[in-house]
Amino acid sequence: MIARALEQTGNAGQPPDNWELRDAAGALLSLDQKIADFSFPPDVRLFLNLKAGVGGAVIPDQFVDPQVSRAKFDRELTEYRQLEADYRRRGWLLVRAEFPSVHVVLATPQLTPPAGFVQREVPS
């Protein structure tokens, strides 16, 4: 079943034994069973994932000097600011940028008529 799916998608980077099949909730499905044995509805979505640790040794935790992270953050924010007018025209609105987080609102300015925004109070 996995070999056939990989063949149909042209995915030849890893052999079928390196893959696992999961349902939309992330539950691992037994490859000893046939698809029909699961009684899936017609619109089910299944996912092939590479097994953890496939392709080599376990990757160690990676750490970055906080000063390096901060320098990269500042550089990327400066580059964004240089192109901010273009981003705004495309619907990217930078709301807040405080290291290490950036909050951006993505809008669709090209809609006709424009989409409206309604703010409602949520009862507590």
PDB file of N, CA and C in Angstrom:
ATOM      1  N   MET A   1       0.823  -1.181   0.000  1.00  0.00           N
ATOM      2  CA  MET A   1       0.000   0.000   0.000  1.00  0.00           C
ATOM      3  C   MET A   1       0.873   1.253   0.000  1.00  0.00           C
ATOM      4  N   ILE A   2       1.920   1.315   0.840  1.00  0.00           N
ATOM      5  CA  ILE A   2       2.811   2.465   0.879  1.00  0.00           C
ATOM      6  C   ILE A   2       3.620   2.547  -0.414  1.00  0.00           C
ATOM      7  N   ALA A   3       4.117   1.426  -0.877  1.00  0.00           N
ATOM      8  CA  ALA A   3       4.916   1.404  -2.104  1.00  0.00           C
ATOM      9  C   ALA A   3       4.102   1.970  -3.271  1.00  0.00           C
ATOM     10  N   ARG A   4       2.835   1.599  -3.337  1.00  0.00           N
ATOM     11  CA  ARG A   4       1.982   2.075  -4.425  1.00  0.00           C
ATOM     12  C   ARG A   4       1.762   3.588  -4.325  1.00  0.00           C
ATOM     13  N   ALA A   5       1.521   4.088  -3.114  1.00  0.00           N
ATOM     14  CA  ALA A   5       1.308   5.527  -2.926  1.00  0.00           C
ATOM     15  C   ALA A   5       2.570   6.303  -3.289  1.00  0.00           C
ATOM     16  N   LEU A   6       3.732   5.797  -2.882  1.00  0.00           N
ATOM     17  CA  LEU A   6       4.984   6.477  -3.208  1.00  0.00           C
ATOM     18  C   LEU A   6       5.232   6.481  -4.710  1.00  0.00           C
ATOM     19  N   GLU A   7       4.906   5.375  -5.360  1.00  0.00           N
ATOM     20  CA  GLU A   7       5.080   5.278  -6.815  1.00  0.00           C
ATOM     21  C   GLU A   7       4.166   6.267  -7.527  1.00  0.00           C
ATOM     22  N   GLN A   8       2.899   6.337  -7.089  1.00  0.00           N
ATOM     23  CA  GLN A   8       1.935   7.230  -7.732  1.00  0.00           C
ATOM     24  C   GLN A   8       2.311   8.699  -7.573  1.00  0.00           C
ATOM     25  N   THR A   9       2.982   9.046  -6.479  1.00  0.00           N
ATOM     26  CA  THR A   9       3.358  10.441  -6.245  1.00  0.00           C
ATOM     27  C   THR A   9       4.766  10.748  -6.720  1.00  0.00           C
ATOM     28  N   GLY A  10       5.479   9.745  -7.235  1.00  0.00           N
ATOM     29  CA  GLY A  10       6.831   9.961  -7.720  1.00  0.00           C
ATOM     30  C   GLY A  10       7.833  10.198  -6.612  1.00  0.00           C
ATOM     31  N   ASN A  11       7.511   9.753  -5.415  1.00  0.00           N
ATOM     32  CA  ASN A  11       8.388   9.968  -4.266  1.00  0.00           C
ATOM     33  C   ASN A  11       9.318   8.775  -4.124  1.00  0.00           C
ATOM     34  N   ALA A  12      10.574   8.944  -4.535  1.00  0.00           N
ATOM     35  CA  ALA A  12      11.520   7.835  -4.504  1.00  0.00           C
ATOM     36  C   ALA A  12      12.693   8.110  -3.569  1.00  0.00           C
ATOM     37  N   GLY A  13      12.584   9.129  -2.714  1.00  0.00           N
ATOM     38  CA  GLY A  13      13.687   9.510  -1.854  1.00  0.00           C
ATOM     39  C   GLY A  13      13.976   8.534  -0.730  1.00  0.00           C
ATOM     40  N   GLN A  14      12.961   7.819  -0.264  1.00  0.00           N
ATOM     41  CA  GLN A  14      13.118   6.864   0.834  1.00  0.00           C
ATOM     42  C   GLN A  14      12.352   5.593   0.469  1.00  0.00           C
ATOM     43  N   PRO A  15      12.860   4.428   0.857  1.00  0.00           N
ATOM     44  CA  PRO A  15      12.162   3.172   0.567  1.00  0.00           C
ATOM     45  C   PRO A  15      10.879   3.055   1.398  1.00  0.00           C
ATOM     46  N   PRO A  16       9.930   2.231   0.956  1.00  0.00           N
ATOM     47  CA  PRO A  16       8.656   2.077   1.656  1.00  0.00           C
ATOM     48  C   PRO A  16       8.794   1.699   3.136  1.00  0.00           C
ATOM     49  N   ASP A  17       9.820   0.949   3.497  1.00  0.00           N
ATOM     50  CA  ASP A  17       9.985   0.545   4.895  1.00  0.00           C
ATOM     51  C   ASP A  17      10.274   1.716   5.825  1.00  0.00           C
ATOM     52  N   ASN A  18      10.662   2.856   5.281  1.00  0.00           N
ATOM     53  CA  ASN A  18      10.971   4.019   6.110  1.00  0.00           C
ATOM     54  C   ASN A  18       9.756   4.908   6.375  1.00  0.00           C
ATOM     55  N   TRP A  19       8.595   4.470   5.933  1.00  0.00           N
ATOM     56  CA  TRP A  19       7.382   5.277   6.060  1.00  0.00           C
ATOM     57  C   TRP A  19       6.392   4.631   7.011  1.00  0.00           C
ATOM     58  N   GLU A  20       5.510   5.466   7.569  1.00  0.00           N
ATOM     59  CA  GLU A  20       4.404   4.970   8.382  1.00  0.00           C
ATOM     60  C   GLU A  20       3.126   5.663   7.927  1.00  0.00           C
ATOM     61  N   LEU A  21       2.012   5.006   8.153  1.00  0.00           N
ATOM     62  CA  LEU A  21       0.713   5.519   7.719  1.00  0.00           C
ATOM     63  C   LEU A  21      -0.069   5.984   8.938  1.00  0.00           C
ATOM     64  N   ARG A  22      -0.624   7.182   8.848  1.00  0.00           N
ATOM     65  CA  ARG A  22      -1.395   7.750   9.956  1.00  0.00           C
ATOM     66  C   ARG A  22      -2.720   8.307   9.443  1.00  0.00           C
ATOM     67  N   ASP A  23      -3.708   8.352  10.353  1.00  0.00           N
ATOM     68  CA  ASP A  23      -4.986   8.969   9.988  1.00  0.00           C
ATOM     69  C   ASP A  23      -4.913  10.465  10.285  1.00  0.00           C
ATOM     70  N   ALA A  24      -6.004  11.189  10.030  1.00  0.00           N
ATOM     71  CA  ALA A  24      -6.015  12.645  10.198  1.00  0.00           C
ATOM     72  C   ALA A  24      -5.780  13.065  11.640  1.00  0.00           C
ATOM     73  N   ALA A  25      -6.105  12.203  12.610  1.00  0.00           N
ATOM     74  CA  ALA A  25      -5.883  12.515  14.021  1.00  0.00           C
ATOM     75  C   ALA A  25      -4.453  12.209  14.446  1.00  0.00           C
ATOM     76  N   GLY A  26      -3.664  11.620  13.550  1.00  0.00           N
ATOM     77  CA  GLY A  26      -2.277  11.297  13.864  1.00  0.00           C
ATOM     78  C   GLY A  26      -2.065   9.900  14.404  1.00  0.00           C
ATOM     79  N   ALA A  27      -3.133   9.097  14.466  1.00  0.00           N
ATOM     80  CA  ALA A  27      -3.010   7.730  14.977  1.00  0.00           C
ATOM     81  C   ALA A  27      -2.284   6.850  13.962  1.00  0.00           C
ATOM     82  N   LEU A  28      -1.328   6.084  14.448  1.00  0.00           N
ATOM     83  CA  LEU A  28      -0.560   5.172  13.601  1.00  0.00           C
ATOM     84  C   LEU A  28      -1.443   3.995  13.191  1.00  0.00           C
ATOM     85  N   LEU A  29      -1.460   3.687  11.903  1.00  0.00           N
ATOM     86  CA  LEU A  29      -2.287   2.589  11.386  1.00  0.00           C
ATOM     87  C   LEU A  29      -1.410   1.375  11.110  1.00  0.00           C
ATOM     88  N   SER A  30      -1.935   0.218  11.406  1.00  0.00           N
ATOM     89  CA  SER A  30      -1.206  -1.029  11.198  1.00  0.00           C
ATOM     90  C   SER A  30      -1.100  -1.330   9.709  1.00  0.00           C
ATOM     91  N   LEU A  31       0.115  -1.641   9.269  1.00  0.00           N
ATOM     92  CA  LEU A  31       0.317  -1.975   7.859  1.00  0.00           C
ATOM     93  C   LEU A  31       0.015  -3.440   7.583  1.00  0.00           C
ATOM     94  N   ASP A  32      -0.310  -4.193   8.630  1.00  0.00           N
ATOM     95  CA  ASP A  32      -0.683  -5.591   8.456  1.00  0.00           C
ATOM     96  C   ASP A  32      -2.109  -5.730   7.948  1.00  0.00           C
ATOM     97  N   GLN A  33      -2.877  -4.662   8.026  1.00  0.00           N
ATOM     98  CA  GLN A  33      -4.264  -4.699   7.594  1.00  0.00           C
ATOM     99  C   GLN A  33      -4.390  -4.078   6.210  1.00  0.00           C
ATOM    100  N   LYS A  34      -5.448  -4.464   5.523  1.00  0.00           N
ATOM    101  CA  LYS A  34      -5.768  -3.848   4.232  1.00  0.00           C
ATOM    102  C   LYS A  34      -6.609  -2.608   4.505  1.00  0.00           C
ATOM    103  N   ILE A  35      -6.571  -1.670   3.593  1.00  0.00           N
ATOM    104  CA  ILE A  35      -7.333  -0.434   3.751  1.00  0.00           C
ATOM    105  C   ILE A  35      -8.810  -0.747   3.979  1.00  0.00           C
ATOM    106  N   ALA A  36      -9.355  -1.718   3.263  1.00  0.00           N
ATOM    107  CA  ALA A  36     -10.772  -2.066   3.406  1.00  0.00           C
ATOM    108  C   ALA A  36     -11.103  -2.526   4.822  1.00  0.00           C
ATOM    109  N   ASP A  37     -10.133  -3.104   5.533  1.00  0.00           N
ATOM    110  CA  ASP A  37     -10.369  -3.588   6.898  1.00  0.00           C
ATOM    111  C   ASP A  37     -10.646  -2.447   7.874  1.00  0.00           C
ATOM    112  N   PHE A  38     -10.255  -1.232   7.545  1.00  0.00           N
ATOM    113  CA  PHE A  38     -10.448  -0.106   8.457  1.00  0.00           C
ATOM    114  C   PHE A  38     -11.849   0.493   8.361  1.00  0.00           C
ATOM    115  N   SER A  39     -12.597   0.192   7.321  1.00  0.00           N
ATOM    116  CA  SER A  39     -13.946   0.748   7.105  1.00  0.00           C
ATOM    117  C   SER A  39     -13.948   2.273   7.101  1.00  0.00           C
ATOM    118  N   PHE A  40     -13.001   2.857   6.380  1.00  0.00           N
ATOM    119  CA  PHE A  40     -12.934   4.302   6.290  1.00  0.00           C
ATOM    120  C   PHE A  40     -14.078   4.830   5.449  1.00  0.00           C
ATOM    121  N   PRO A  41     -14.549   6.058   5.751  1.00  0.00           N
ATOM    122  CA  PRO A  41     -15.541   6.684   4.870  1.00  0.00           C
ATOM    123  C   PRO A  41     -14.861   7.063   3.547  1.00  0.00           C
ATOM    124  N   PRO A  42     -15.628   7.304   2.495  1.00  0.00           N
ATOM    125  CA  PRO A  42     -15.049   7.588   1.179  1.00  0.00           C
ATOM    126  C   PRO A  42     -14.137   8.817   1.143  1.00  0.00           C
ATOM    127  N   ASP A  43     -14.379   9.792   2.006  1.00  0.00           N
ATOM    128  CA  ASP A  43     -13.591  11.031   1.956  1.00  0.00           C
ATOM    129  C   ASP A  43     -12.448  11.064   2.970  1.00  0.00           C
ATOM    130  N   VAL A  44     -12.024   9.912   3.463  1.00  0.00           N
ATOM    131  CA  VAL A  44     -10.961   9.869   4.473  1.00  0.00           C
ATOM    132  C   VAL A  44      -9.645  10.396   3.909  1.00  0.00           C
ATOM    133  N   ARG A  45      -8.852  11.037   4.782  1.00  0.00           N
ATOM    134  CA  ARG A  45      -7.514  11.500   4.401  1.00  0.00           C
ATOM    135  C   ARG A  45      -6.514  10.754   5.255  1.00  0.00           C
ATOM    136  N   LEU A  46      -5.578  10.108   4.600  1.00  0.00           N
ATOM    137  CA  LEU A  46      -4.505   9.388   5.286  1.00  0.00           C
ATOM    138  C   LEU A  46      -3.188  10.073   4.954  1.00  0.00           C
ATOM    139  N   PHE A  47      -2.205   9.902   5.836  1.00  0.00           N
ATOM    140  CA  PHE A  47      -0.944  10.607   5.678  1.00  0.00           C
ATOM    141  C   PHE A  47       0.230   9.657   5.805  1.00  0.00           C
ATOM    142  N   LEU A  48       1.158   9.756   4.868  1.00  0.00           N
ATOM    143  CA  LEU A  48       2.414   9.016   4.950  1.00  0.00           C
ATOM    144  C   LEU A  48       3.457   9.934   5.560  1.00  0.00           C
ATOM    145  N   ASN A  49       4.111   9.465   6.606  1.00  0.00           N
ATOM    146  CA  ASN A  49       5.159  10.231   7.271  1.00  0.00           C
ATOM    147  C   ASN A  49       6.409   9.380   7.357  1.00  0.00           C
ATOM    148  N   LEU A  50       7.564  10.019   7.253  1.00  0.00           N
ATOM    149  CA  LEU A  50       8.794   9.293   7.502  1.00  0.00           C
ATOM    150  C   LEU A  50       8.853   8.919   8.968  1.00  0.00           C
ATOM    151  N   LYS A  51       9.327   7.711   9.242  1.00  0.00           N
ATOM    152  CA  LYS A  51       9.491   7.284  10.620  1.00  0.00           C
ATOM    153  C   LYS A  51      10.574   8.130  11.275  1.00  0.00           C
ATOM    154  N   ALA A  52      10.448   8.371  12.569  1.00  0.00           N
ATOM    155  CA  ALA A  52      11.446   9.163  13.301  1.00  0.00           C
ATOM    156  C   ALA A  52      12.790   8.462  13.258  1.00  0.00           C
ATOM    157  N   GLY A  53      13.852   9.228  13.072  1.00  0.00           N
ATOM    158  CA  GLY A  53      15.199   8.670  13.087  1.00  0.00           C
ATOM    159  C   GLY A  53      15.629   8.030  11.784  1.00  0.00           C
ATOM    160  N   VAL A  54      14.787   8.081  10.745  1.00  0.00           N
ATOM    161  CA  VAL A  54      15.131   7.456   9.476  1.00  0.00           C
ATOM    162  C   VAL A  54      16.173   8.298   8.761  1.00  0.00           C
ATOM    163  N   GLY A  55      17.115   7.649   8.144  1.00  0.00           N
ATOM    164  CA  GLY A  55      18.069   8.342   7.305  1.00  0.00           C
ATOM    165  C   GLY A  55      19.378   8.682   7.978  1.00  0.00           C
ATOM    166  N   GLY A  56      19.597   8.200   9.168  1.00  0.00           N
ATOM    167  CA  GLY A  56      20.877   8.503   9.802  1.00  0.00           C
ATOM    168  C   GLY A  56      20.774   8.487  11.306  1.00  0.00           C
ATOM    169  N   ALA A  57      21.777   9.027  11.920  1.00  0.00           N
ATOM    170  CA  ALA A  57      21.853   9.040  13.377  1.00  0.00           C
ATOM    171  C   ALA A  57      20.841  10.031  13.946  1.00  0.00           C
ATOM    172  N   VAL A  58      20.621   9.924  15.225  1.00  0.00           N
ATOM    173  CA  VAL A  58      19.737  10.856  15.912  1.00  0.00           C
ATOM    174  C   VAL A  58      20.379  12.239  15.862  1.00  0.00           C
ATOM    175  N   ILE A  59      19.578  13.223  15.521  1.00  0.00           N
ATOM    176  CA  ILE A  59      20.088  14.586  15.421  1.00  0.00           C
ATOM    177  C   ILE A  59      20.127  15.186  16.820  1.00  0.00           C
ATOM    178  N   PRO A  60      21.272  15.689  17.232  1.00  0.00           N
ATOM    179  CA  PRO A  60      21.358  16.273  18.575  1.00  0.00           C
ATOM    180  C   PRO A  60      20.619  17.612  18.645  1.00  0.00           C
ATOM    181  N   ASP A  61      20.270  18.018  19.865  1.00  0.00           N
ATOM    182  CA  ASP A  61      19.662  19.329  20.042  1.00  0.00           C
ATOM    183  C   ASP A  61      20.618  20.384  19.524  1.00  0.00           C
ATOM    184  N   GLN A  62      20.062  21.420  18.935  1.00  0.00           N
ATOM    185  CA  GLN A  62      20.883  22.467  18.366  1.00  0.00           C
ATOM    186  C   GLN A  62      20.609  23.756  19.132  1.00  0.00           C
ATOM    187  N   PHE A  63      21.655  24.445  19.484  1.00  0.00           N
ATOM    188  CA  PHE A  63      21.516  25.679  20.230  1.00  0.00           C
ATOM    189  C   PHE A  63      22.180  26.811  19.459  1.00  0.00           C
ATOM    190  N   VAL A  64      21.595  28.000  19.564  1.00  0.00           N
ATOM    191  CA  VAL A  64      22.143  29.173  18.908  1.00  0.00           C
ATOM    192  C   VAL A  64      22.372  30.228  19.976  1.00  0.00           C
ATOM    193  N   ASP A  65      23.501  30.881  19.892  1.00  0.00           N
ATOM    194  CA  ASP A  65      23.815  31.962  20.810  1.00  0.00           C
ATOM    195  C   ASP A  65      22.693  32.998  20.734  1.00  0.00           C
ATOM    196  N   PRO A  66      22.123  33.416  21.869  1.00  0.00           N
ATOM    197  CA  PRO A  66      21.037  34.401  21.851  1.00  0.00           C
ATOM    198  C   PRO A  66      21.396  35.698  21.118  1.00  0.00           C
ATOM    199  N   GLN A  67      22.654  36.092  21.144  1.00  0.00           N
ATOM    200  CA  GLN A  67      23.066  37.305  20.426  1.00  0.00           C
ATOM    201  C   GLN A  67      22.956  37.108  18.911  1.00  0.00           C
ATOM    202  N   VAL A  68      23.248  35.902  18.454  1.00  0.00           N
ATOM    203  CA  VAL A  68      23.117  35.601  17.023  1.00  0.00           C
ATOM    204  C   VAL A  68      21.639  35.643  16.630  1.00  0.00           C
ATOM    205  N   SER A  69      20.791  35.027  17.448  1.00  0.00           N
ATOM    206  CA  SER A  69      19.351  35.039  17.166  1.00  0.00           C
ATOM    207  C   SER A  69      18.819  36.463  17.131  1.00  0.00           C
ATOM    208  N   ARG A  70      19.248  37.276  18.076  1.00  0.00           N
ATOM    209  CA  ARG A  70      18.791  38.665  18.135  1.00  0.00           C
ATOM    210  C   ARG A  70      19.264  39.442  16.910  1.00  0.00           C
ATOM    211  N   ALA A  71      20.510  39.230  16.498  1.00  0.00           N
ATOM    212  CA  ALA A  71      21.040  39.920  15.319  1.00  0.00           C
ATOM    213  C   ALA A  71      20.252  39.536  14.069  1.00  0.00           C
ATOM    214  N   LYS A  72      19.927  38.245  13.929  1.00  0.00           N
ATOM    215  CA  LYS A  72      19.139  37.800  12.771  1.00  0.00           C
ATOM    216  C   LYS A  72      17.738  38.410  12.807  1.00  0.00           C
ATOM    217  N   PHE A  73      17.126  38.440  13.984  1.00  0.00           N
ATOM    218  CA  PHE A  73      15.796  39.021  14.148  1.00  0.00           C
ATOM    219  C   PHE A  73      15.819  40.489  13.705  1.00  0.00           C
ATOM    220  N   ASP A  74      16.784  41.240  14.222  1.00  0.00           N
ATOM    221  CA  ASP A  74      16.884  42.663  13.886  1.00  0.00           C
ATOM    222  C   ASP A  74      17.114  42.872  12.392  1.00  0.00           C
ATOM    223  N   ARG A  75      17.966  42.032  11.789  1.00  0.00           N
ATOM    224  CA  ARG A  75      18.244  42.153  10.356  1.00  0.00           C
ATOM    225  C   ARG A  75      16.978  41.891   9.535  1.00  0.00           C
ATOM    226  N   GLU A  76      16.256  40.827   9.873  1.00  0.00           N
ATOM    227  CA  GLU A  76      15.032  40.497   9.127  1.00  0.00           C
ATOM    228  C   GLU A  76      13.970  41.579   9.299  1.00  0.00           C
ATOM    229  N   LEU A  77      13.858  42.130  10.502  1.00  0.00           N
ATOM    230  CA  LEU A  77      12.882  43.187  10.749  1.00  0.00           C
ATOM    231  C   LEU A  77      13.243  44.444   9.954  1.00  0.00           C
ATOM    232  N   THR A  78      14.517  44.765   9.882  1.00  0.00           N
ATOM    233  CA  THR A  78      14.976  45.916   9.092  1.00  0.00           C
ATOM    234  C   THR A  78      14.645  45.707   7.618  1.00  0.00           C
ATOM    235  N   GLU A  79      14.874  44.502   7.110  1.00  0.00           N
ATOM    236  CA  GLU A  79      14.556  44.209   5.706  1.00  0.00           C
ATOM    237  C   GLU A  79      13.053  44.317   5.463  1.00  0.00           C
ATOM    238  N   TYR A  80      12.250  43.846   6.408  1.00  0.00           N
ATOM    239  CA  TYR A  80      10.795  43.970   6.265  1.00  0.00           C
ATOM    240  C   TYR A  80      10.402  45.440   6.205  1.00  0.00           C
ATOM    241  N   ARG A  81      10.939  46.221   7.119  1.00  0.00           N
ATOM    242  CA  ARG A  81      10.591  47.651   7.180  1.00  0.00           C
ATOM    243  C   ARG A  81      10.942  48.368   5.874  1.00  0.00           C
ATOM    244  N   GLN A  82      12.018  47.970   5.216  1.00  0.00           N
ATOM    245  CA  GLN A  82      12.411  48.583   3.950  1.00  0.00           C
ATOM    246  C   GLN A  82      11.388  48.301   2.849  1.00  0.00           C
ATOM    247  N   LEU A  83      10.686  47.200   2.967  1.00  0.00           N
ATOM    248  CA  LEU A  83       9.691  46.810   1.950  1.00  0.00           C
ATOM    249  C   LEU A  83       8.264  46.874   2.496  1.00  0.00           C
ATOM    250  N   GLU A  84       8.085  47.539   3.634  1.00  0.00           N
ATOM    251  CA  GLU A  84       6.789  47.502   4.321  1.00  0.00           C
ATOM    252  C   GLU A  84       5.641  48.006   3.457  1.00  0.00           C
ATOM    253  N   ALA A  85       5.859  49.033   2.651  1.00  0.00           N
ATOM    254  CA  ALA A  85       4.785  49.554   1.794  1.00  0.00           C
ATOM    255  C   ALA A  85       4.306  48.473   0.819  1.00  0.00           C
ATOM    256  N   ASP A  86       5.238  47.725   0.258  1.00  0.00           N
ATOM    257  CA  ASP A  86       4.862  46.630  -0.649  1.00  0.00           C
ATOM    258  C   ASP A  86       4.090  45.557   0.094  1.00  0.00           C
ATOM    259  N   TYR A  87       4.568  45.206   1.279  1.00  0.00           N
ATOM    260  CA  TYR A  87       3.866  44.190   2.065  1.00  0.00           C
ATOM    261  C   TYR A  87       2.447  44.648   2.415  1.00  0.00           C
ATOM    262  N   ARG A  88       2.287  45.903   2.782  1.00  0.00           N
ATOM    263  CA  ARG A  88       0.951  46.417   3.124  1.00  0.00           C
ATOM    264  C   ARG A  88       0.007  46.323   1.926  1.00  0.00           C
ATOM    265  N   ARG A  89       0.513  46.665   0.730  1.00  0.00           N
ATOM    266  CA  ARG A  89      -0.321  46.556  -0.472  1.00  0.00           C
ATOM    267  C   ARG A  89      -0.772  45.120  -0.705  1.00  0.00           C
ATOM    268  N   ARG A  90       0.057  44.169  -0.287  1.00  0.00           N
ATOM    269  CA  ARG A  90      -0.286  42.751  -0.441  1.00  0.00           C
ATOM    270  C   ARG A  90      -1.129  42.227   0.716  1.00  0.00           C
ATOM    271  N   GLY A  91      -1.359  43.069   1.729  1.00  0.00           N
ATOM    272  CA  GLY A  91      -2.203  42.659   2.843  1.00  0.00           C
ATOM    273  C   GLY A  91      -1.455  42.149   4.061  1.00  0.00           C
ATOM    274  N   TRP A  92      -0.148  42.378   4.135  1.00  0.00           N
ATOM    275  CA  TRP A  92       0.652  41.978   5.300  1.00  0.00           C
ATOM    276  C   TRP A  92       0.761  43.189   6.214  1.00  0.00           C
ATOM    277  N   LEU A  93       0.181  43.112   7.392  1.00  0.00           N
ATOM    278  CA  LEU A  93       0.205  44.223   8.326  1.00  0.00           C
ATOM    279  C   LEU A  93       0.974  43.804   9.569  1.00  0.00           C
ATOM    280  N   LEU A  94       2.131  44.396   9.781  1.00  0.00           N
ATOM    281  CA  LEU A  94       2.944  44.093  10.944  1.00  0.00           C
ATOM    282  C   LEU A  94       2.309  44.782  12.151  1.00  0.00           C
ATOM    283  N   VAL A  95       1.868  43.987  13.103  1.00  0.00           N
ATOM    284  CA  VAL A  95       1.179  44.514  14.271  1.00  0.00           C
ATOM    285  C   VAL A  95       2.152  44.744  15.423  1.00  0.00           C
ATOM    286  N   ARG A  96       3.034  43.779  15.632  1.00  0.00           N
ATOM    287  CA  ARG A  96       3.987  43.892  16.735  1.00  0.00           C
ATOM    288  C   ARG A  96       5.224  43.069  16.425  1.00  0.00           C
ATOM    289  N   ALA A  97       6.365  43.603  16.788  1.00  0.00           N
ATOM    290  CA  ALA A  97       7.627  42.882  16.622  1.00  0.00           C
ATOM    291  C   ALA A  97       8.455  43.115  17.871  1.00  0.00           C
ATOM    292  N   GLU A  98       8.437  42.135  18.756  1.00  0.00           N
ATOM    293  CA  GLU A  98       9.234  42.173  19.981  1.00  0.00           C
ATOM    294  C   GLU A  98       9.980  40.859  20.052  1.00  0.00           C
ATOM    295  N   PHE A  99      11.291  40.944  20.037  1.00  0.00           N
ATOM    296  CA  PHE A  99      12.103  39.729  20.034  1.00  0.00           C
ATOM    297  C   PHE A  99      11.635  38.777  21.127  1.00  0.00           C
ATOM    298  N   PRO A 100      11.395  37.522  20.788  1.00  0.00           N
ATOM    299  CA  PRO A 100      11.630  36.832  19.522  1.00  0.00           C
ATOM    300  C   PRO A 100      10.367  36.643  18.688  1.00  0.00           C
ATOM    301  N   SER A 101       9.298  37.398  18.972  1.00  0.00           N
ATOM    302  CA  SER A 101       8.015  37.180  18.299  1.00  0.00           C
ATOM    303  C   SER A 101       7.680  38.303  17.330  1.00  0.00           C
ATOM    304  N   VAL A 102       7.001  37.907  16.265  1.00  0.00           N
ATOM    305  CA  VAL A 102       6.471  38.860  15.292  1.00  0.00           C
ATOM    306  C   VAL A 102       5.012  38.497  15.075  1.00  0.00           C
ATOM    307  N   HIS A 103       4.153  39.501  15.131  1.00  0.00           N
ATOM    308  CA  HIS A 103       2.729  39.278  14.892  1.00  0.00           C
ATOM    309  C   HIS A 103       2.334  40.033  13.625  1.00  0.00           C
ATOM    310  N   VAL A 104       1.836  39.287  12.650  1.00  0.00           N
ATOM    311  CA  VAL A 104       1.453  39.850  11.358  1.00  0.00           C
ATOM    312  C   VAL A 104       0.016  39.462  11.080  1.00  0.00           C
ATOM    313  N   VAL A 105      -0.763  40.405  10.605  1.00  0.00           N
ATOM    314  CA  VAL A 105      -2.131  40.136  10.166  1.00  0.00           C
ATOM    315  C   VAL A 105      -2.085  40.016   8.650  1.00  0.00           C
ATOM    316  N   LEU A 106      -2.657  38.942   8.123  1.00  0.00           N
ATOM    317  CA  LEU A 106      -2.729  38.746   6.680  1.00  0.00           C
ATOM    318  C   LEU A 106      -4.148  39.061   6.226  1.00  0.00           C
ATOM    319  N   ALA A 107      -4.271  40.013   5.329  1.00  0.00           N
ATOM    320  CA  ALA A 107      -5.566  40.438   4.819  1.00  0.00           C
ATOM    321  C   ALA A 107      -5.635  40.165   3.321  1.00  0.00           C
ATOM    322  N   THR A 108      -6.806  40.354   2.757  1.00  0.00           N
ATOM    323  CA  THR A 108      -6.981  40.174   1.320  1.00  0.00           C
ATOM    324  C   THR A 108      -7.501  41.490   0.725  1.00  0.00           C
ATOM    325  N   PRO A 109      -6.589  42.424   0.458  1.00  0.00           N
ATOM    326  CA  PRO A 109      -7.012  43.747  -0.019  1.00  0.00           C
ATOM    327  C   PRO A 109      -7.610  43.743  -1.419  1.00  0.00           C
ATOM    328  N   GLN A 110      -7.398  42.675  -2.181  1.00  0.00           N
ATOM    329  CA  GLN A 110      -7.868  42.656  -3.563  1.00  0.00           C
ATOM    330  C   GLN A 110      -9.320  42.198  -3.709  1.00  0.00           C
ATOM    331  N   LEU A 111     -10.009  41.874  -2.607  1.00  0.00           N
ATOM    332  CA  LEU A 111     -11.404  41.423  -2.703  1.00  0.00           C
ATOM    333  C   LEU A 111     -12.315  42.562  -3.129  1.00  0.00           C
ATOM    334  N   THR A 112     -13.272  42.247  -4.001  1.00  0.00           N
ATOM    335  CA  THR A 112     -14.270  43.221  -4.417  1.00  0.00           C
ATOM    336  C   THR A 112     -15.635  42.584  -4.271  1.00  0.00           C
ATOM    337  N   PRO A 113     -16.509  43.097  -3.441  1.00  0.00           N
ATOM    338  CA  PRO A 113     -16.303  44.212  -2.515  1.00  0.00           C
ATOM    339  C   PRO A 113     -15.388  43.786  -1.376  1.00  0.00           C
ATOM    340  N   PRO A 114     -14.786  44.772  -0.709  1.00  0.00           N
ATOM    341  CA  PRO A 114     -13.866  44.438   0.376  1.00  0.00           C
ATOM    342  C   PRO A 114     -14.572  43.714   1.514  1.00  0.00           C
ATOM    343  N   ALA A 115     -13.843  42.806   2.142  1.00  0.00           N
ATOM    344  CA  ALA A 115     -14.398  42.074   3.275  1.00  0.00           C
ATOM    345  C   ALA A 115     -14.470  43.004   4.472  1.00  0.00           C
ATOM    346  N   GLY A 116     -15.507  42.854   5.266  1.00  0.00           N
ATOM    347  CA  GLY A 116     -15.663  43.687   6.449  1.00  0.00           C
ATOM    348  C   GLY A 116     -15.191  42.962   7.690  1.00  0.00           C
ATOM    349  N   PHE A 117     -14.929  43.712   8.723  1.00  0.00           N
ATOM    350  CA  PHE A 117     -14.499  43.158  10.005  1.00  0.00           C
ATOM    351  C   PHE A 117     -15.475  43.648  11.049  1.00  0.00           C
ATOM    352  N   VAL A 118     -16.045  42.736  11.791  1.00  0.00           N
ATOM    353  CA  VAL A 118     -16.984  43.089  12.841  1.00  0.00           C
ATOM    354  C   VAL A 118     -16.401  42.609  14.159  1.00  0.00           C
ATOM    355  N   GLN A 119     -16.259  43.532  15.097  1.00  0.00           N
ATOM    356  CA  GLN A 119     -15.769  43.154  16.421  1.00  0.00           C
ATOM    357  C   GLN A 119     -16.973  42.991  17.325  1.00  0.00           C
ATOM    358  N   ARG A 120     -17.022  41.872  18.020  1.00  0.00           N
ATOM    359  CA  ARG A 120     -18.139  41.580  18.909  1.00  0.00           C
ATOM    360  C   ARG A 120     -17.625  41.332  20.306  1.00  0.00           C
ATOM    361  N   GLU A 121     -18.404  41.731  21.267  1.00  0.00           N
ATOM    362  CA  GLU A 121     -18.081  41.438  22.652  1.00  0.00           C
ATOM    363  C   GLU A 121     -18.458  39.996  22.933  1.00  0.00           C
ATOM    364  N   VAL A 122     -17.570  39.280  23.569  1.00  0.00           N
ATOM    365  CA  VAL A 122     -17.850  37.888  23.937  1.00  0.00           C
ATOM    366  C   VAL A 122     -18.305  37.883  25.389  1.00  0.00           C
ATOM    367  N   PRO A 123     -19.517  37.339  25.655  1.00  0.00           N
ATOM    368  CA  PRO A 123     -19.989  37.330  27.040  1.00  0.00           C
ATOM    369  C   PRO A 123     -19.060  36.466  27.919  1.00  0.00           C
ATOM    370  N   SER A 124     -18.836  36.930  29.140  1.00  0.00           N
ATOM    371  CA  SER A 124     -17.964  36.148  30.015  1.00  0.00           C
ATOM    372  C   SER A 124     -18.736  35.202  30.901  1.00  0.00           C
TER     373      SER A 124
END
